[in-house]
Amino acid sequence: MKTTLTKWPRRQGPSRRPADFRERTYRRLIGMTGLHAFQVVSQETDLMIQADRFLESEAREQVLACRAHIEGYIRSHPTFAKTLAPWPHETVAPPIVRQMIQAGRVAGVGPMAAVAGAIAENVGRHLLDQCHQVMVENGGDIFIKTGDAVVVGLFAGNSPLSMKIGVRLSPDENGMGVCTSSGTVGHSLSAGSADAVCVIAPSCALADAAATAIGNRIHSSRDIKAAIDFGKSIPGIHGIVAVVNRELGAWGAVELVSANGKKG
């Protein structure tokens, strides 16, 4: 079985749906044969999940738990939700908050840059206690564990390369995160102008934060190499793909293929 996923640049942090919010029709292009698909929505969190068991109730409970931990910490530390700088180490915070803090510190960004990936991974790993294969997509940030190869098609807005290329991922028994930041697509908070920066890492929270940090450094195609060089210095990153208009740069454990899964 070969699976093709469309990787969509995600929105930054839990922000309310804008007035011009439209249905996420790109999700129709995300599919894994033979798995149950279901959606879980709680306020700003909107997950599309596929697993080899129907676990909607379990997923919803975990989403509520994740949100409760994050929102509770923000009530005690209001600046946590707004800062763009790394947050100090915290030993008494809930585990998901500590994951966000650690990811932001490693990548050099604020902790909310990791929130979508952290929720996706926490829900996915919780479900893996009851299933063998799972894909959790949270605004474009993906936590995935399957037994087969996966091709992630890269959506890059108006770039001519958008949905023409993909990244083939080998199965990973521990699961992995595939997260994308964009300065030109969606409502992501980005200081850069990349059409897409996709990061692959064992930690979905880290992949999320690193995609933001790398994307912040890209203002034109001339910045791709320097931004990727910066990304290479982030511990725990396995692969990077950056797209600006017609230009593309890649590094690490990245096998580029055409979007239909053929090597290009």
Protein backbone atom coordinates (compact mmCIF):
# COMPACT_ATOMS: atom_id res chain seq x y z
CA MET A 1 0.00 0.00 0.00
CA LYS A 2 1.34 3.43 -0.94
CA THR A 3 -0.38 6.42 0.60
CA THR A 4 -0.38 9.99 -0.65
CA LEU A 5 -1.02 12.84 1.77
CA THR A 6 -1.35 16.48 0.88
CA LYS A 7 0.74 18.58 3.24
CA TRP A 8 -0.94 21.93 3.88
CA PRO A 9 0.83 24.87 5.55
CA ARG A 10 -0.69 25.23 8.97
CA ARG A 11 -2.11 28.09 10.95
CA GLN A 12 0.10 29.32 13.79
CA GLY A 13 -1.13 28.56 17.28
CA PRO A 14 -4.75 28.19 18.38
CA SER A 15 -6.39 31.22 16.78
CA ARG A 16 -10.08 31.62 16.13
CA ARG A 17 -11.44 30.88 12.68
CA PRO A 18 -11.48 34.07 10.63
CA ALA A 19 -14.68 35.40 9.13
CA ASP A 20 -13.56 34.21 5.68
CA PHE A 21 -12.83 30.66 6.91
CA ARG A 22 -13.62 28.11 4.23
CA GLU A 23 -14.04 24.36 4.38
CA ARG A 24 -10.72 22.52 4.30
CA THR A 25 -11.37 20.90 0.95
CA TYR A 26 -7.72 19.82 0.70
CA ARG A 27 -8.53 17.12 3.23
CA ARG A 28 -10.30 15.20 0.51
CA LEU A 29 -6.83 14.54 -0.89
CA ILE A 30 -5.63 12.95 2.34
CA GLY A 31 -6.33 9.24 2.47
CA MET A 32 -4.91 6.00 3.74
CA THR A 33 -6.50 2.84 2.35
CA GLY A 34 -8.38 0.64 4.77
CA LEU A 35 -8.38 3.04 7.74
CA HIS A 36 -11.27 4.70 9.54
CA ALA A 37 -11.47 8.46 9.03
CA PHE A 38 -13.09 10.86 11.49
CA GLN A 39 -12.91 14.52 12.47
CA VAL A 40 -12.61 15.98 15.95
CA VAL A 41 -13.29 19.69 16.49
CA SER A 42 -13.01 21.56 19.78
CA GLN A 43 -13.01 25.33 19.54
CA GLU A 44 -9.94 26.28 17.44
CA THR A 45 -8.61 22.72 17.28
CA ASP A 46 -9.75 20.89 14.15
CA LEU A 47 -8.26 17.43 13.63
CA MET A 48 -8.70 15.01 10.75
CA ILE A 49 -7.74 11.56 11.97
CA GLN A 50 -7.32 8.21 10.26
CA ALA A 51 -6.65 5.03 12.22
CA ASP A 52 -7.12 1.30 11.93
CA ARG A 53 -9.81 1.53 14.62
CA PHE A 54 -12.66 4.00 14.99
CA LEU A 55 -11.55 5.97 18.04
CA GLU A 56 -13.41 9.24 17.79
CA SER A 57 -14.48 9.35 21.45
CA GLU A 58 -10.96 8.57 22.65
CA ALA A 59 -9.51 11.24 20.36
CA ARG A 60 -12.00 13.84 21.54
CA GLU A 61 -11.20 13.14 25.18
CA GLN A 62 -7.49 13.58 24.50
CA VAL A 63 -8.05 16.82 22.58
CA LEU A 64 -10.00 18.21 25.53
CA ALA A 65 -7.27 17.12 27.91
CA CYS A 66 -4.55 18.75 25.79
CA ARG A 67 -6.48 21.98 25.49
CA ALA A 68 -7.26 22.05 29.21
CA HIS A 69 -3.57 21.73 30.07
CA ILE A 70 -2.51 24.45 27.62
CA GLU A 71 -5.34 26.83 28.48
CA GLY A 72 -4.78 26.34 32.20
CA TYR A 73 -1.11 27.21 31.84
CA ILE A 74 -1.96 30.29 29.79
CA ARG A 75 -4.38 31.50 32.47
CA SER A 76 -1.51 31.39 34.95
CA HIS A 77 1.04 32.75 32.47
CA PRO A 78 -0.77 35.03 29.94
CA THR A 79 2.45 36.00 28.16
CA PHE A 80 2.95 32.35 27.16
CA ALA A 81 0.30 32.72 24.43
CA LYS A 82 1.86 35.84 22.90
CA THR A 83 5.62 35.66 23.19
CA LEU A 84 7.71 35.04 20.08
CA ALA A 85 10.79 34.33 22.18
CA PRO A 86 11.77 30.99 23.74
CA TRP A 87 10.08 30.39 27.09
CA PRO A 88 12.16 29.58 30.20
CA HIS A 89 12.45 25.95 31.25
CA GLU A 90 9.47 24.84 33.31
CA THR A 91 9.49 21.73 35.49
CA VAL A 92 5.97 21.86 36.93
CA ALA A 93 4.01 22.52 33.74
CA PRO A 94 1.87 19.78 32.13
CA PRO A 95 3.80 17.46 29.77
CA ILE A 96 2.35 18.95 26.57
CA VAL A 97 3.31 22.45 27.72
CA ARG A 98 6.83 21.28 28.50
CA GLN A 99 7.04 19.74 25.01
CA MET A 100 6.06 23.07 23.46
CA ILE A 101 8.56 24.95 25.62
CA GLN A 102 11.38 22.54 24.76
CA ALA A 103 10.60 22.62 21.02
CA GLY A 104 10.52 26.41 21.01
CA ARG A 105 13.79 26.65 22.91
CA VAL A 106 15.58 24.24 20.56
CA ALA A 107 14.30 26.07 17.47
CA GLY A 108 14.66 29.56 18.93
CA VAL A 109 10.99 30.58 18.73
CA GLY A 110 8.04 31.04 21.07
CA PRO A 111 6.29 27.97 22.49
CA MET A 112 3.02 28.56 20.62
CA ALA A 113 4.90 27.89 17.37
CA ALA A 114 4.75 24.23 18.45
CA VAL A 115 1.14 24.02 19.64
CA ALA A 116 -0.47 22.45 16.56
CA GLY A 117 2.22 19.80 16.21
CA ALA A 118 2.20 19.08 19.94
CA ILE A 119 -1.57 18.46 19.98
CA ALA A 120 -1.40 16.29 16.85
CA GLU A 121 1.36 14.14 18.34
CA ASN A 122 -0.22 13.84 21.78
CA VAL A 123 -3.53 12.73 20.30
CA GLY A 124 -1.80 10.35 17.87
CA ARG A 125 0.37 8.70 20.52
CA HIS A 126 -2.62 8.36 22.84
CA LEU A 127 -4.55 6.54 20.10
CA LEU A 128 -1.60 4.25 19.41
CA ASP A 129 -2.29 2.64 22.77
CA GLN A 130 -5.36 1.17 21.06
CA CYS A 131 -4.40 0.94 17.38
CA HIS A 132 -1.41 0.20 15.15
CA GLN A 133 -1.62 2.87 12.45
CA VAL A 134 -2.68 6.48 12.81
CA MET A 135 -2.49 9.83 11.02
CA VAL A 136 -3.50 13.00 12.86
CA GLU A 137 -3.63 16.21 10.84
CA ASN A 138 -4.00 19.48 12.74
CA GLY A 139 -4.23 22.48 10.45
CA GLY A 140 -1.65 20.88 8.17
CA ASP A 141 0.75 19.62 10.83
CA ILE A 142 0.80 15.84 10.71
CA PHE A 143 1.73 13.11 13.16
CA ILE A 144 1.85 9.78 11.38
CA LYS A 145 2.67 6.17 12.07
CA THR A 146 1.97 3.58 9.40
CA GLY A 147 3.44 0.29 8.32
CA ASP A 148 3.89 1.38 4.72
CA ALA A 149 5.60 4.07 2.69
CA VAL A 150 3.89 7.45 2.64
CA VAL A 151 4.19 10.18 0.01
CA VAL A 152 3.52 13.66 1.32
CA GLY A 153 2.53 15.98 -1.51
CA LEU A 154 3.73 19.53 -0.76
CA PHE A 155 1.23 22.35 -1.19
CA ALA A 156 3.08 25.63 -1.76
CA GLY A 157 0.42 28.15 -2.69
CA ASN A 158 0.97 29.82 -6.07
CA SER A 159 4.39 28.29 -6.58
CA PRO A 160 4.63 26.33 -9.88
CA LEU A 161 6.01 23.48 -7.75
CA SER A 162 2.90 23.28 -5.59
CA MET A 163 1.52 19.71 -5.59
CA LYS A 164 4.02 18.78 -8.31
CA ILE A 165 6.50 17.34 -5.80
CA GLY A 166 6.25 15.15 -2.74
CA VAL A 167 8.42 13.63 -0.07
CA ARG A 168 8.49 9.84 0.28
CA LEU A 169 8.66 8.75 3.90
CA SER A 170 9.70 5.25 4.91
CA PRO A 171 7.76 3.58 7.73
CA ASP A 172 8.94 4.54 11.21
CA GLU A 173 7.96 2.29 14.09
CA ASN A 174 8.05 5.25 16.48
CA GLY A 175 5.99 7.61 14.34
CA MET A 176 7.08 11.01 13.01
CA GLY A 177 6.03 14.60 12.56
CA VAL A 178 5.73 16.37 9.19
CA CYS A 179 5.03 20.07 9.64
CA THR A 180 4.91 23.01 7.25
CA SER A 181 5.08 26.78 7.67
CA SER A 182 4.23 29.31 4.98
CA GLY A 183 4.60 33.05 4.70
CA THR A 184 2.27 33.24 1.69
CA VAL A 185 -0.50 30.72 2.40
CA GLY A 186 -3.05 30.57 5.18
CA HIS A 187 -2.99 32.36 8.52
CA SER A 188 0.38 31.21 9.83
CA LEU A 189 2.38 33.72 11.83
CA SER A 190 5.60 33.92 9.84
CA ALA A 191 8.21 36.65 9.46
CA GLY A 192 9.31 35.19 6.13
CA SER A 193 7.98 34.86 2.59
CA ALA A 194 8.53 31.19 1.77
CA ASP A 195 5.70 29.45 -0.05
CA ALA A 196 6.39 26.37 2.08
CA VAL A 197 8.96 25.11 4.54
CA CYS A 198 8.40 21.47 5.43
CA VAL A 199 10.28 19.83 8.31
CA ILE A 200 10.45 16.15 9.19
CA ALA A 201 11.37 15.11 12.73
CA PRO A 202 10.57 12.37 15.26
CA SER A 203 8.96 15.07 17.43
CA CYS A 204 5.96 16.73 15.80
CA ALA A 205 6.23 19.68 18.21
CA LEU A 206 9.85 20.21 17.20
CA ALA A 207 9.03 19.89 13.49
CA ASP A 208 6.32 22.53 13.96
CA ALA A 209 8.58 24.98 15.78
CA ALA A 210 11.51 24.39 13.41
CA ALA A 211 9.35 25.00 10.32
CA THR A 212 8.45 28.42 11.73
CA ALA A 213 12.06 29.23 12.67
CA ILE A 214 13.39 28.27 9.23
CA GLY A 215 10.57 30.00 7.38
CA ASN A 216 11.20 33.21 9.32
CA ARG A 217 14.62 33.42 7.64
CA ILE A 218 13.39 33.16 4.04
CA HIS A 219 12.42 36.41 2.31
CA SER A 220 13.41 35.42 -1.22
CA SER A 221 14.86 32.42 -3.04
CA ARG A 222 18.34 33.75 -2.25
CA ASP A 223 17.72 32.92 1.42
CA ILE A 224 16.90 29.24 0.94
CA LYS A 225 20.42 27.89 1.42
CA ALA A 226 21.19 29.98 4.51
CA ALA A 227 17.84 29.09 6.07
CA ILE A 228 18.37 25.38 5.48
CA ASP A 229 21.90 25.67 6.89
CA PHE A 230 20.32 27.16 10.00
CA GLY A 231 17.78 24.33 10.11
CA LYS A 232 20.56 21.75 9.90
CA SER A 233 21.89 23.11 13.20
CA ILE A 234 18.64 22.35 15.05
CA PRO A 235 19.12 19.06 16.96
CA GLY A 236 16.59 16.37 16.12
CA ILE A 237 15.64 17.50 12.61
CA HIS A 238 15.73 14.72 10.01
CA GLY A 239 14.80 16.60 6.83
CA ILE A 240 13.89 19.99 5.38
CA VAL A 241 12.26 21.13 2.13
CA ALA A 242 11.90 24.84 1.33
CA VAL A 243 10.01 26.29 -1.66
CA VAL A 244 10.03 29.88 -2.89
CA ASN A 245 8.29 30.40 -6.23
CA ARG A 246 10.21 28.19 -8.72
CA GLU A 247 13.14 27.49 -6.41
CA LEU A 248 13.47 24.54 -4.07
CA GLY A 249 16.06 23.47 -1.52
CA ALA A 250 16.18 20.21 0.43
CA TRP A 251 18.40 18.58 3.03
CA GLY A 252 18.54 15.41 5.11
CA ALA A 253 16.45 12.25 4.92
CA VAL A 254 14.36 13.62 2.07
CA GLU A 255 13.49 11.52 -0.99
CA LEU A 256 11.80 13.87 -3.45
CA VAL A 257 9.27 12.31 -5.80
CA SER A 258 6.54 13.58 -8.06
CA ALA A 259 3.26 14.15 -6.25
CA ASN A 260 1.90 10.87 -7.61
CA GLY A 261 4.66 8.99 -5.86
CA LYS A 262 7.08 8.50 -8.77
CA LYS A 263 10.68 9.54 -8.39
CA GLY A 264 11.36 12.82 -10.14
